[in-house]
Amino acid sequence: MGPEIQELIRLISKLPGLGPRSGRRVALHLLKNKQNLLKPLVQSMTHTLTVVKECAICRNIDTQDPCALCQDPRRDPSVLCVVEDVTDLWALERSASFKGSYHILGGTLSALDGKGPQDLRIGSLVQRVAHSEVSEVILALSATIDGQTTAHYVMDRLSPTGVEVSAIAHGVPLGGELDYLDDGTITTALNSRRALNAQLA
């Protein structure tokens, strides 16, 4: 096996959900289908590399900045949904149950991973809420310890703005991540969100 093939396997093995064995299978499949699969894939990835941008407003990934969601006049700018990552935004959009705006934090607070508030987009969230027409912030964070710690921290930081803060109901299972949930569960969780401010009052 040549070094080029080994490098292809190594890179494919780094993809989420894949390891060395799966990487070898995928690489072999691509190499056996060079014209029908590998060549179009390389062309698509090369093109995507040049056109994909990060939205300066919500941090979504799109081919335009601001992204299509932030530019959509049909969406409600007064309701802002805070998620951890782009995959969570895509999961909510897939459910077609949310028609407001988004803010991607870029992860959660994690002492184990050395991720503090300065590593997330919490400051820009507070600024965005303070200088816009946002009246409700929905925290759609994972039902993990880190996710809930982040939710409480964000709520504290938003408290001076006076905005209503709610959280999606956790029909989302404990330890669950949004990207792995079915559309019905996401829709139910959004519709059953609860106000967090009231719990502290």
N, C-alpha and C. Protein backbone atom coordinates (compact mmCIF):
# COMPACT_ATOMS: atom_id res chain seq x y z
N MET A 1 0.86 -1.20 0.00
CA MET A 1 0.00 0.00 0.00
C MET A 1 0.89 1.25 0.00
N GLY A 2 0.68 2.12 -0.99
CA GLY A 2 1.50 3.31 -1.11
C GLY A 2 1.20 4.35 -0.05
N PRO A 3 2.14 5.29 0.15
CA PRO A 3 1.94 6.32 1.18
C PRO A 3 0.73 7.21 0.92
N GLU A 4 0.38 7.42 -0.35
CA GLU A 4 -0.79 8.25 -0.67
C GLU A 4 -2.08 7.60 -0.17
N ILE A 5 -2.17 6.29 -0.35
CA ILE A 5 -3.35 5.57 0.11
C ILE A 5 -3.39 5.55 1.64
N GLN A 6 -2.23 5.36 2.26
CA GLN A 6 -2.16 5.37 3.72
C GLN A 6 -2.59 6.72 4.29
N GLU A 7 -2.18 7.79 3.61
CA GLU A 7 -2.56 9.13 4.07
C GLU A 7 -4.06 9.35 3.90
N LEU A 8 -4.63 8.86 2.79
CA LEU A 8 -6.07 8.96 2.57
C LEU A 8 -6.82 8.24 3.69
N ILE A 9 -6.38 7.03 4.03
CA ILE A 9 -7.01 6.25 5.11
C ILE A 9 -6.88 6.99 6.44
N ARG A 10 -5.70 7.55 6.69
CA ARG A 10 -5.48 8.26 7.96
C ARG A 10 -6.43 9.45 8.11
N LEU A 11 -6.60 10.20 7.03
CA LEU A 11 -7.46 11.38 7.08
C LEU A 11 -8.93 11.00 7.21
N ILE A 12 -9.35 9.99 6.45
CA ILE A 12 -10.74 9.53 6.54
C ILE A 12 -11.03 9.00 7.94
N SER A 13 -10.07 8.33 8.55
CA SER A 13 -10.25 7.75 9.89
C SER A 13 -10.48 8.81 10.96
N LYS A 14 -10.11 10.06 10.65
CA LYS A 14 -10.30 11.15 11.62
C LYS A 14 -11.72 11.68 11.63
N LEU A 15 -12.52 11.30 10.64
CA LEU A 15 -13.90 11.79 10.57
C LEU A 15 -14.72 11.21 11.72
N PRO A 16 -15.73 11.97 12.20
CA PRO A 16 -16.56 11.48 13.31
C PRO A 16 -17.21 10.15 12.99
N GLY A 17 -17.16 9.23 13.94
CA GLY A 17 -17.81 7.93 13.77
C GLY A 17 -16.98 6.92 13.00
N LEU A 18 -15.82 7.32 12.53
CA LEU A 18 -14.97 6.41 11.78
C LEU A 18 -13.66 6.14 12.53
N GLY A 19 -13.13 4.96 12.34
CA GLY A 19 -11.83 4.60 12.89
C GLY A 19 -10.98 4.04 11.77
N PRO A 20 -9.83 3.45 12.12
CA PRO A 20 -8.94 2.90 11.09
C PRO A 20 -9.60 1.86 10.19
N ARG A 21 -10.39 0.96 10.78
CA ARG A 21 -11.03 -0.09 9.97
C ARG A 21 -12.06 0.51 9.01
N SER A 22 -12.91 1.39 9.54
CA SER A 22 -13.91 2.06 8.68
C SER A 22 -13.22 2.94 7.66
N GLY A 23 -12.13 3.59 8.06
CA GLY A 23 -11.37 4.43 7.14
C GLY A 23 -10.84 3.66 5.96
N ARG A 24 -10.36 2.45 6.22
CA ARG A 24 -9.86 1.60 5.13
C ARG A 24 -10.99 1.22 4.18
N ARG A 25 -12.17 0.87 4.75
CA ARG A 25 -13.30 0.48 3.91
C ARG A 25 -13.76 1.64 3.03
N VAL A 26 -13.86 2.83 3.63
CA VAL A 26 -14.30 4.01 2.87
C VAL A 26 -13.28 4.34 1.78
N ALA A 27 -12.00 4.34 2.15
CA ALA A 27 -10.96 4.65 1.17
C ALA A 27 -10.99 3.67 0.00
N LEU A 28 -11.12 2.39 0.32
CA LEU A 28 -11.16 1.38 -0.74
C LEU A 28 -12.36 1.58 -1.64
N HIS A 29 -13.52 1.90 -1.05
CA HIS A 29 -14.73 2.14 -1.83
C HIS A 29 -14.54 3.34 -2.76
N LEU A 30 -13.92 4.41 -2.23
CA LEU A 30 -13.67 5.59 -3.06
C LEU A 30 -12.72 5.28 -4.20
N LEU A 31 -11.66 4.54 -3.89
CA LEU A 31 -10.66 4.23 -4.91
C LEU A 31 -11.20 3.29 -5.99
N LYS A 32 -12.13 2.42 -5.61
CA LYS A 32 -12.75 1.53 -6.58
C LYS A 32 -13.75 2.27 -7.48
N ASN A 33 -14.19 3.42 -7.01
CA ASN A 33 -15.19 4.21 -7.75
C ASN A 33 -14.65 5.61 -8.01
N LYS A 34 -13.48 5.68 -8.60
CA LYS A 34 -12.79 6.97 -8.78
C LYS A 34 -13.60 7.94 -9.63
N GLN A 35 -14.12 7.48 -10.74
CA GLN A 35 -14.82 8.39 -11.66
C GLN A 35 -16.21 8.77 -11.16
N ASN A 36 -16.92 7.80 -10.60
CA ASN A 36 -18.31 8.05 -10.18
C ASN A 36 -18.43 8.68 -8.80
N LEU A 37 -17.41 8.52 -7.95
CA LEU A 37 -17.54 8.97 -6.57
C LEU A 37 -16.36 9.82 -6.11
N LEU A 38 -15.15 9.31 -6.24
CA LEU A 38 -13.99 10.02 -5.72
C LEU A 38 -13.76 11.36 -6.41
N LYS A 39 -13.81 11.36 -7.74
CA LYS A 39 -13.57 12.60 -8.48
C LYS A 39 -14.63 13.67 -8.18
N PRO A 40 -15.94 13.34 -8.24
CA PRO A 40 -16.96 14.35 -7.89
C PRO A 40 -16.84 14.81 -6.44
N LEU A 41 -16.46 13.89 -5.53
CA LEU A 41 -16.31 14.25 -4.13
C LEU A 41 -15.17 15.26 -3.95
N VAL A 42 -14.04 15.00 -4.59
CA VAL A 42 -12.89 15.91 -4.52
C VAL A 42 -13.27 17.28 -5.09
N GLN A 43 -13.99 17.29 -6.22
CA GLN A 43 -14.39 18.56 -6.83
C GLN A 43 -15.35 19.33 -5.92
N SER A 44 -16.29 18.61 -5.31
CA SER A 44 -17.25 19.25 -4.41
C SER A 44 -16.55 19.81 -3.18
N MET A 45 -15.63 19.04 -2.61
CA MET A 45 -14.91 19.49 -1.41
C MET A 45 -14.02 20.69 -1.72
N THR A 46 -13.38 20.68 -2.88
CA THR A 46 -12.52 21.80 -3.29
C THR A 46 -13.34 23.06 -3.47
N HIS A 47 -14.50 22.92 -4.12
CA HIS A 47 -15.38 24.08 -4.32
C HIS A 47 -15.93 24.58 -2.98
N THR A 48 -16.36 23.64 -2.13
CA THR A 48 -16.91 24.00 -0.83
C THR A 48 -15.89 24.76 0.01
N LEU A 49 -14.63 24.34 -0.07
CA LEU A 49 -13.56 24.98 0.69
C LEU A 49 -13.45 26.45 0.36
N THR A 50 -13.71 26.81 -0.89
CA THR A 50 -13.55 28.21 -1.31
C THR A 50 -14.80 29.06 -1.07
N VAL A 51 -15.98 28.45 -1.01
CA VAL A 51 -17.21 29.26 -0.93
C VAL A 51 -17.86 29.29 0.45
N VAL A 52 -17.56 28.33 1.32
CA VAL A 52 -18.24 28.28 2.62
C VAL A 52 -17.64 29.30 3.57
N LYS A 53 -18.53 30.02 4.27
CA LYS A 53 -18.12 31.07 5.21
C LYS A 53 -18.84 30.87 6.54
N GLU A 54 -18.33 31.54 7.56
CA GLU A 54 -19.00 31.55 8.86
C GLU A 54 -19.78 32.85 8.97
N CYS A 55 -21.05 32.73 9.35
CA CYS A 55 -21.91 33.91 9.49
C CYS A 55 -21.40 34.78 10.64
N ALA A 56 -21.22 36.06 10.38
CA ALA A 56 -20.71 36.98 11.40
C ALA A 56 -21.74 37.24 12.50
N ILE A 57 -23.02 36.94 12.24
CA ILE A 57 -24.07 37.21 13.23
C ILE A 57 -24.28 36.02 14.15
N CYS A 58 -24.60 34.86 13.56
CA CYS A 58 -24.96 33.70 14.39
C CYS A 58 -23.89 32.62 14.43
N ARG A 59 -22.90 32.69 13.51
CA ARG A 59 -21.80 31.72 13.38
C ARG A 59 -22.22 30.42 12.70
N ASN A 60 -23.33 30.45 11.98
CA ASN A 60 -23.72 29.32 11.17
C ASN A 60 -22.76 29.21 9.98
N ILE A 61 -22.74 28.06 9.33
CA ILE A 61 -21.92 27.86 8.14
C ILE A 61 -22.82 27.95 6.92
N ASP A 62 -22.41 28.79 5.96
CA ASP A 62 -23.21 28.99 4.75
C ASP A 62 -22.29 29.48 3.64
N THR A 63 -22.86 29.70 2.49
CA THR A 63 -22.07 30.24 1.38
C THR A 63 -22.20 31.75 1.30
N GLN A 64 -22.92 32.34 2.24
CA GLN A 64 -23.07 33.79 2.27
C GLN A 64 -22.96 34.30 3.71
N ASP A 65 -22.59 35.55 3.86
CA ASP A 65 -22.44 36.17 5.18
C ASP A 65 -23.06 37.56 5.12
N PRO A 66 -24.13 37.81 5.90
CA PRO A 66 -24.82 36.91 6.84
C PRO A 66 -25.46 35.71 6.12
N CYS A 67 -25.69 34.66 6.91
CA CYS A 67 -26.23 33.42 6.35
C CYS A 67 -27.69 33.60 5.93
N ALA A 68 -28.20 32.62 5.21
CA ALA A 68 -29.57 32.68 4.70
C ALA A 68 -30.59 32.80 5.83
N LEU A 69 -30.33 32.15 6.96
CA LEU A 69 -31.27 32.22 8.09
C LEU A 69 -31.33 33.62 8.67
N CYS A 70 -30.18 34.25 8.83
CA CYS A 70 -30.14 35.60 9.40
C CYS A 70 -30.73 36.64 8.45
N GLN A 71 -30.71 36.34 7.16
CA GLN A 71 -31.26 37.28 6.17
C GLN A 71 -32.73 37.05 5.87
N ASP A 72 -33.28 35.96 6.38
CA ASP A 72 -34.66 35.59 6.06
C ASP A 72 -35.64 36.51 6.79
N PRO A 73 -36.40 37.36 6.06
CA PRO A 73 -37.32 38.31 6.69
C PRO A 73 -38.52 37.63 7.36
N ARG A 74 -38.73 36.34 7.06
CA ARG A 74 -39.88 35.63 7.65
C ARG A 74 -39.58 35.14 9.07
N ARG A 75 -38.34 35.19 9.48
CA ARG A 75 -37.99 34.70 10.81
C ARG A 75 -38.19 35.78 11.86
N ASP A 76 -38.52 35.35 13.08
CA ASP A 76 -38.83 36.28 14.17
C ASP A 76 -37.54 36.69 14.89
N PRO A 77 -37.09 37.94 14.74
CA PRO A 77 -35.84 38.37 15.36
C PRO A 77 -35.94 38.58 16.87
N SER A 78 -37.18 38.53 17.41
CA SER A 78 -37.35 38.77 18.85
C SER A 78 -37.09 37.51 19.69
N VAL A 79 -37.01 36.36 19.03
CA VAL A 79 -36.75 35.10 19.74
C VAL A 79 -35.42 34.54 19.26
N LEU A 80 -34.51 34.35 20.20
CA LEU A 80 -33.16 33.91 19.87
C LEU A 80 -32.88 32.56 20.53
N CYS A 81 -32.51 31.59 19.73
CA CYS A 81 -32.23 30.25 20.24
C CYS A 81 -30.72 30.05 20.32
N VAL A 82 -30.24 29.72 21.50
CA VAL A 82 -28.80 29.53 21.73
C VAL A 82 -28.49 28.04 21.68
N VAL A 83 -27.56 27.66 20.81
CA VAL A 83 -27.16 26.26 20.67
C VAL A 83 -25.64 26.15 20.82
N GLU A 84 -25.17 24.92 21.00
CA GLU A 84 -23.75 24.70 21.19
C GLU A 84 -22.97 24.76 19.87
N ASP A 85 -23.49 24.12 18.84
CA ASP A 85 -22.73 23.98 17.61
C ASP A 85 -23.64 24.02 16.39
N VAL A 86 -23.03 24.08 15.23
CA VAL A 86 -23.78 24.12 13.97
C VAL A 86 -24.66 22.88 13.81
N THR A 87 -24.17 21.72 14.27
CA THR A 87 -24.96 20.49 14.15
C THR A 87 -26.29 20.61 14.89
N ASP A 88 -26.30 21.33 16.03
CA ASP A 88 -27.54 21.53 16.78
C ASP A 88 -28.49 22.46 16.04
N LEU A 89 -27.94 23.49 15.43
CA LEU A 89 -28.77 24.40 14.62
C LEU A 89 -29.40 23.61 13.48
N TRP A 90 -28.61 22.80 12.80
CA TRP A 90 -29.15 22.00 11.69
C TRP A 90 -30.23 21.03 12.18
N ALA A 91 -30.05 20.47 13.38
CA ALA A 91 -31.05 19.55 13.93
C ALA A 91 -32.37 20.28 14.18
N LEU A 92 -32.29 21.49 14.73
CA LEU A 92 -33.51 22.27 14.98
C LEU A 92 -34.17 22.67 13.67
N GLU A 93 -33.38 23.05 12.69
CA GLU A 93 -33.94 23.42 11.39
C GLU A 93 -34.59 22.22 10.70
N ARG A 94 -34.00 21.05 10.91
CA ARG A 94 -34.56 19.83 10.32
C ARG A 94 -35.96 19.55 10.87
N SER A 95 -36.17 19.92 12.13
CA SER A 95 -37.48 19.69 12.75
C SER A 95 -38.53 20.69 12.27
N ALA A 96 -38.07 21.81 11.67
CA ALA A 96 -38.96 22.86 11.15
C ALA A 96 -39.90 23.40 12.22
N SER A 97 -39.46 23.38 13.49
CA SER A 97 -40.33 23.81 14.58
C SER A 97 -39.93 25.15 15.18
N PHE A 98 -38.85 25.74 14.71
CA PHE A 98 -38.39 27.02 15.26
C PHE A 98 -38.26 28.04 14.13
N LYS A 99 -38.83 29.22 14.34
CA LYS A 99 -38.84 30.24 13.29
C LYS A 99 -38.18 31.54 13.73
N GLY A 100 -37.34 31.48 14.76
CA GLY A 100 -36.64 32.67 15.23
C GLY A 100 -35.22 32.72 14.71
N SER A 101 -34.33 33.38 15.48
CA SER A 101 -32.93 33.51 15.11
C SER A 101 -32.08 32.59 15.99
N TYR A 102 -30.81 32.46 15.62
CA TYR A 102 -29.91 31.57 16.35
C TYR A 102 -28.65 32.29 16.82
N HIS A 103 -28.02 31.68 17.83
CA HIS A 103 -26.70 32.10 18.26
C HIS A 103 -25.93 30.85 18.65
N ILE A 104 -24.81 30.60 17.97
CA ILE A 104 -24.01 29.40 18.23
C ILE A 104 -22.89 29.74 19.20
N LEU A 105 -22.87 29.06 20.34
CA LEU A 105 -21.86 29.35 21.37
C LEU A 105 -20.47 28.84 21.00
N GLY A 106 -20.42 27.74 20.27
CA GLY A 106 -19.13 27.14 19.95
C GLY A 106 -18.69 26.12 20.98
N GLY A 107 -19.65 25.52 21.68
CA GLY A 107 -19.33 24.49 22.67
C GLY A 107 -19.98 24.76 24.01
N THR A 108 -19.49 24.10 25.04
CA THR A 108 -19.99 24.29 26.40
C THR A 108 -18.81 24.50 27.34
N LEU A 109 -19.10 25.05 28.50
CA LEU A 109 -18.08 25.17 29.54
C LEU A 109 -17.67 23.78 29.98
N SER A 110 -16.37 23.55 30.12
CA SER A 110 -15.89 22.24 30.52
C SER A 110 -14.55 22.37 31.23
N ALA A 111 -14.56 22.11 32.52
CA ALA A 111 -13.32 22.17 33.29
C ALA A 111 -12.34 21.09 32.82
N LEU A 112 -12.88 19.90 32.48
CA LEU A 112 -12.02 18.81 32.04
C LEU A 112 -11.29 19.13 30.75
N ASP A 113 -12.00 19.82 29.84
CA ASP A 113 -11.41 20.17 28.54
C ASP A 113 -10.72 21.53 28.57
N GLY A 114 -10.74 22.17 29.74
CA GLY A 114 -10.12 23.49 29.86
C GLY A 114 -10.84 24.58 29.07
N LYS A 115 -12.16 24.43 28.93
CA LYS A 115 -12.95 25.40 28.16
C LYS A 115 -13.69 26.32 29.13
N GLY A 116 -13.30 27.59 29.14
CA GLY A 116 -13.94 28.57 30.00
C GLY A 116 -14.81 29.54 29.22
N PRO A 117 -15.43 30.51 29.91
CA PRO A 117 -16.32 31.47 29.24
C PRO A 117 -15.65 32.23 28.10
N GLN A 118 -14.34 32.49 28.25
CA GLN A 118 -13.62 33.23 27.21
C GLN A 118 -13.47 32.44 25.91
N ASP A 119 -13.69 31.13 25.99
CA ASP A 119 -13.56 30.28 24.81
C ASP A 119 -14.87 30.13 24.04
N LEU A 120 -15.96 30.65 24.61
CA LEU A 120 -17.27 30.55 23.98
C LEU A 120 -17.74 31.94 23.55
N ARG A 121 -18.80 31.98 22.75
CA ARG A 121 -19.32 33.26 22.24
C ARG A 121 -20.43 33.78 23.16
N ILE A 122 -20.11 33.83 24.45
CA ILE A 122 -21.09 34.30 25.44
C ILE A 122 -21.12 35.82 25.47
N GLY A 123 -19.95 36.45 25.41
CA GLY A 123 -19.88 37.91 25.41
C GLY A 123 -20.62 38.50 24.23
N SER A 124 -20.44 37.91 23.05
CA SER A 124 -21.14 38.42 21.86
C SER A 124 -22.64 38.18 21.96
N LEU A 125 -23.04 37.11 22.66
CA LEU A 125 -24.47 36.85 22.88
C LEU A 125 -25.08 37.96 23.73
N VAL A 126 -24.40 38.30 24.82
CA VAL A 126 -24.90 39.36 25.71
C VAL A 126 -25.00 40.68 24.96
N GLN A 127 -23.98 40.99 24.17
CA GLN A 127 -24.00 42.22 23.37
C GLN A 127 -25.14 42.21 22.37
N ARG A 128 -25.34 41.08 21.75
CA ARG A 128 -26.40 40.95 20.75
C ARG A 128 -27.77 41.18 21.37
N VAL A 129 -28.00 40.59 22.53
CA VAL A 129 -29.28 40.74 23.22
C VAL A 129 -29.48 42.18 23.69
N ALA A 130 -28.41 42.78 24.22
CA ALA A 130 -28.51 44.14 24.77
C ALA A 130 -28.76 45.19 23.70
N HIS A 131 -28.33 44.92 22.46
CA HIS A 131 -28.45 45.93 21.41
C HIS A 131 -29.37 45.49 20.27
N SER A 132 -30.40 44.73 20.59
CA SER A 132 -31.33 44.29 19.55
C SER A 132 -32.74 44.20 20.13
N GLU A 133 -33.65 43.71 19.31
CA GLU A 133 -35.05 43.62 19.73
C GLU A 133 -35.39 42.27 20.35
N VAL A 134 -34.39 41.50 20.76
CA VAL A 134 -34.63 40.17 21.34
C VAL A 134 -35.39 40.31 22.64
N SER A 135 -36.51 39.57 22.75
CA SER A 135 -37.31 39.58 23.98
C SER A 135 -37.26 38.24 24.72
N GLU A 136 -36.87 37.18 24.00
CA GLU A 136 -36.75 35.87 24.64
C GLU A 136 -35.52 35.15 24.10
N VAL A 137 -34.77 34.55 25.01
CA VAL A 137 -33.63 33.71 24.65
C VAL A 137 -33.96 32.28 25.07
N ILE A 138 -33.95 31.36 24.10
CA ILE A 138 -34.18 29.95 24.39
C ILE A 138 -32.84 29.25 24.45
N LEU A 139 -32.55 28.61 25.58
CA LEU A 139 -31.30 27.86 25.71
C LEU A 139 -31.56 26.42 25.29
N ALA A 140 -31.08 26.06 24.11
CA ALA A 140 -31.27 24.70 23.58
C ALA A 140 -29.93 23.97 23.68
N LEU A 141 -29.50 23.74 24.92
CA LEU A 141 -28.21 23.11 25.17
C LEU A 141 -28.41 21.66 25.58
N SER A 142 -27.39 20.85 25.38
CA SER A 142 -27.49 19.43 25.68
C SER A 142 -27.78 19.18 27.15
N ALA A 143 -28.47 18.08 27.42
CA ALA A 143 -28.82 17.72 28.79
C ALA A 143 -27.68 16.96 29.46
N THR A 144 -26.48 17.55 29.39
CA THR A 144 -25.31 16.99 30.04
C THR A 144 -24.93 17.92 31.18
N ILE A 145 -24.01 17.50 32.03
CA ILE A 145 -23.56 18.35 33.12
C ILE A 145 -22.96 19.64 32.55
N ASP A 146 -22.11 19.51 31.54
CA ASP A 146 -21.50 20.69 30.94
C ASP A 146 -22.54 21.59 30.29
N GLY A 147 -23.53 20.98 29.63
CA GLY A 147 -24.58 21.75 28.99
C GLY A 147 -25.40 22.55 29.99
N GLN A 148 -25.75 21.92 31.10
CA GLN A 148 -26.55 22.61 32.11
C GLN A 148 -25.74 23.65 32.88
N THR A 149 -24.45 23.38 33.10
CA THR A 149 -23.57 24.37 33.72
C THR A 149 -23.48 25.62 32.84
N THR A 150 -23.35 25.38 31.54
CA THR A 150 -23.29 26.49 30.58
C THR A 150 -24.60 27.27 30.57
N ALA A 151 -25.72 26.56 30.62
CA ALA A 151 -27.04 27.22 30.62
C ALA A 151 -27.17 28.16 31.82
N HIS A 152 -26.76 27.70 33.00
CA HIS A 152 -26.85 28.54 34.20
C HIS A 152 -25.92 29.75 34.10
N TYR A 153 -24.74 29.54 33.56
CA TYR A 153 -23.80 30.65 33.42
C TYR A 153 -24.34 31.69 32.43
N VAL A 154 -24.86 31.23 31.30
CA VAL A 154 -25.42 32.15 30.29
C VAL A 154 -26.60 32.92 30.87
N MET A 155 -27.43 32.22 31.64
CA MET A 155 -28.60 32.87 32.25
C MET A 155 -28.15 33.99 33.19
N ASP A 156 -27.11 33.73 33.98
CA ASP A 156 -26.58 34.75 34.88
C ASP A 156 -26.04 35.96 34.12
N ARG A 157 -25.35 35.68 33.02
CA ARG A 157 -24.78 36.77 32.22
C ARG A 157 -25.88 37.60 31.54
N LEU A 158 -27.00 36.95 31.20
CA LEU A 158 -28.10 37.65 30.52
C LEU A 158 -29.02 38.38 31.49
N SER A 159 -28.92 38.05 32.77
CA SER A 159 -29.82 38.61 33.78
C SER A 159 -29.91 40.14 33.74
N PRO A 160 -28.79 40.88 33.63
CA PRO A 160 -28.88 42.34 33.62
C PRO A 160 -29.65 42.92 32.43
N THR A 161 -29.78 42.15 31.35
CA THR A 161 -30.48 42.65 30.16
C THR A 161 -31.99 42.66 30.35
N GLY A 162 -32.50 41.86 31.31
CA GLY A 162 -33.94 41.77 31.55
C GLY A 162 -34.68 40.92 30.54
N VAL A 163 -33.97 40.26 29.64
CA VAL A 163 -34.62 39.42 28.64
C VAL A 163 -35.17 38.16 29.30
N GLU A 164 -36.28 37.65 28.78
CA GLU A 164 -36.82 36.39 29.27
C GLU A 164 -35.94 35.25 28.79
N VAL A 165 -35.55 34.37 29.70
CA VAL A 165 -34.69 33.23 29.35
C VAL A 165 -35.47 31.95 29.61
N SER A 166 -35.57 31.10 28.58
CA SER A 166 -36.25 29.82 28.73
C SER A 166 -35.31 28.71 28.27
N ALA A 167 -35.68 27.49 28.60
CA ALA A 167 -34.87 26.34 28.17
C ALA A 167 -35.80 25.31 27.55
N ILE A 168 -35.28 24.58 26.57
CA ILE A 168 -36.10 23.53 25.99
C ILE A 168 -36.38 22.48 27.06
N ALA A 169 -37.57 21.90 27.00
CA ALA A 169 -37.93 20.86 27.96
C ALA A 169 -37.08 19.64 27.69
N HIS A 170 -36.75 18.94 28.75
CA HIS A 170 -35.88 17.79 28.53
C HIS A 170 -36.66 16.49 28.52
N GLY A 171 -37.57 16.42 27.49
CA GLY A 171 -37.97 15.17 26.93
C GLY A 171 -36.73 14.71 26.18
N VAL A 172 -35.80 15.67 26.04
CA VAL A 172 -34.46 15.33 25.58
C VAL A 172 -33.85 14.51 26.72
N PRO A 173 -33.41 13.28 26.46
CA PRO A 173 -32.91 12.44 27.54
C PRO A 173 -31.66 12.99 28.19
N LEU A 174 -31.47 12.71 29.48
CA LEU A 174 -30.30 13.16 30.20
C LEU A 174 -29.06 12.56 29.53
N GLY A 175 -28.11 13.42 29.24
CA GLY A 175 -26.93 12.96 28.53
C GLY A 175 -27.10 13.00 27.02
N GLY A 176 -28.30 13.43 26.57
CA GLY A 176 -28.59 13.43 25.14
C GLY A 176 -28.05 14.65 24.44
N GLU A 177 -27.73 14.51 23.16
CA GLU A 177 -27.28 15.62 22.34
C GLU A 177 -28.28 15.81 21.20
N LEU A 178 -28.53 17.09 20.87
CA LEU A 178 -29.59 17.42 19.92
C LEU A 178 -29.44 16.73 18.57
N ASP A 179 -28.21 16.61 18.10
CA ASP A 179 -27.99 16.07 16.77
C ASP A 179 -28.45 14.62 16.63
N TYR A 180 -28.59 13.90 17.75
CA TYR A 180 -28.97 12.49 17.70
C TYR A 180 -30.46 12.27 17.94
N LEU A 181 -31.21 13.36 18.13
CA LEU A 181 -32.63 13.22 18.45
C LEU A 181 -33.49 13.24 17.19
N ASP A 182 -34.64 12.56 17.28
CA ASP A 182 -35.56 12.59 16.14
C ASP A 182 -36.32 13.92 16.13
N ASP A 183 -36.90 14.24 14.99
CA ASP A 183 -37.57 15.53 14.80
C ASP A 183 -38.71 15.75 15.78
N GLY A 184 -39.49 14.68 16.06
CA GLY A 184 -40.62 14.82 16.98
C GLY A 184 -40.18 15.19 18.37
N THR A 185 -39.10 14.60 18.86
CA THR A 185 -38.58 14.91 20.20
C THR A 185 -38.12 16.36 20.27
N ILE A 186 -37.44 16.82 19.22
CA ILE A 186 -36.96 18.21 19.19
C ILE A 186 -38.14 19.17 19.19
N THR A 187 -39.16 18.89 18.39
CA THR A 187 -40.33 19.76 18.32
C THR A 187 -41.04 19.83 19.67
N THR A 188 -41.22 18.68 20.32
CA THR A 188 -41.87 18.64 21.63
C THR A 188 -41.06 19.41 22.66
N ALA A 189 -39.74 19.22 22.64
CA ALA A 189 -38.88 19.91 23.60
C ALA A 189 -38.94 21.42 23.42
N LEU A 190 -38.97 21.88 22.18
CA LEU A 190 -39.07 23.32 21.93
C LEU A 190 -40.41 23.87 22.39
N ASN A 191 -41.47 23.18 22.05
CA ASN A 191 -42.81 23.66 22.41
C ASN A 191 -43.07 23.61 23.92
N SER A 192 -42.33 22.75 24.63
CA SER A 192 -42.52 22.62 26.08
C SER A 192 -41.45 23.36 26.88
N ARG A 193 -40.81 24.33 26.24
CA ARG A 193 -39.75 25.06 26.95
C ARG A 193 -40.33 25.77 28.17
N ARG A 194 -39.47 26.01 29.15
CA ARG A 194 -39.90 26.65 30.40
C ARG A 194 -39.04 27.88 30.68
N ALA A 195 -39.62 28.84 31.36
CA ALA A 195 -38.88 30.06 31.71
C ALA A 195 -37.93 29.75 32.85
N LEU A 196 -36.69 30.15 32.72
CA LEU A 196 -35.71 29.92 33.79
C LEU A 196 -35.70 31.07 34.78
N ASN A 197 -35.98 32.30 34.29
CA ASN A 197 -35.97 33.45 35.19
C ASN A 197 -36.92 33.25 36.35
N ALA A 198 -38.10 32.70 36.05
CA ALA A 198 -39.14 32.53 37.07
C ALA A 198 -38.70 31.58 38.17
N GLN A 199 -37.86 30.60 37.83
CA GLN A 199 -37.42 29.62 38.81
C GLN A 199 -36.51 30.25 39.85
N LEU A 200 -35.82 31.33 39.45
CA LEU A 200 -34.89 31.98 40.37
C LEU A 200 -35.58 33.04 41.21
N ALA A 201 -36.75 33.47 40.77
CA ALA A 201 -37.45 34.57 41.45
C ALA A 201 -37.95 34.12 42.82
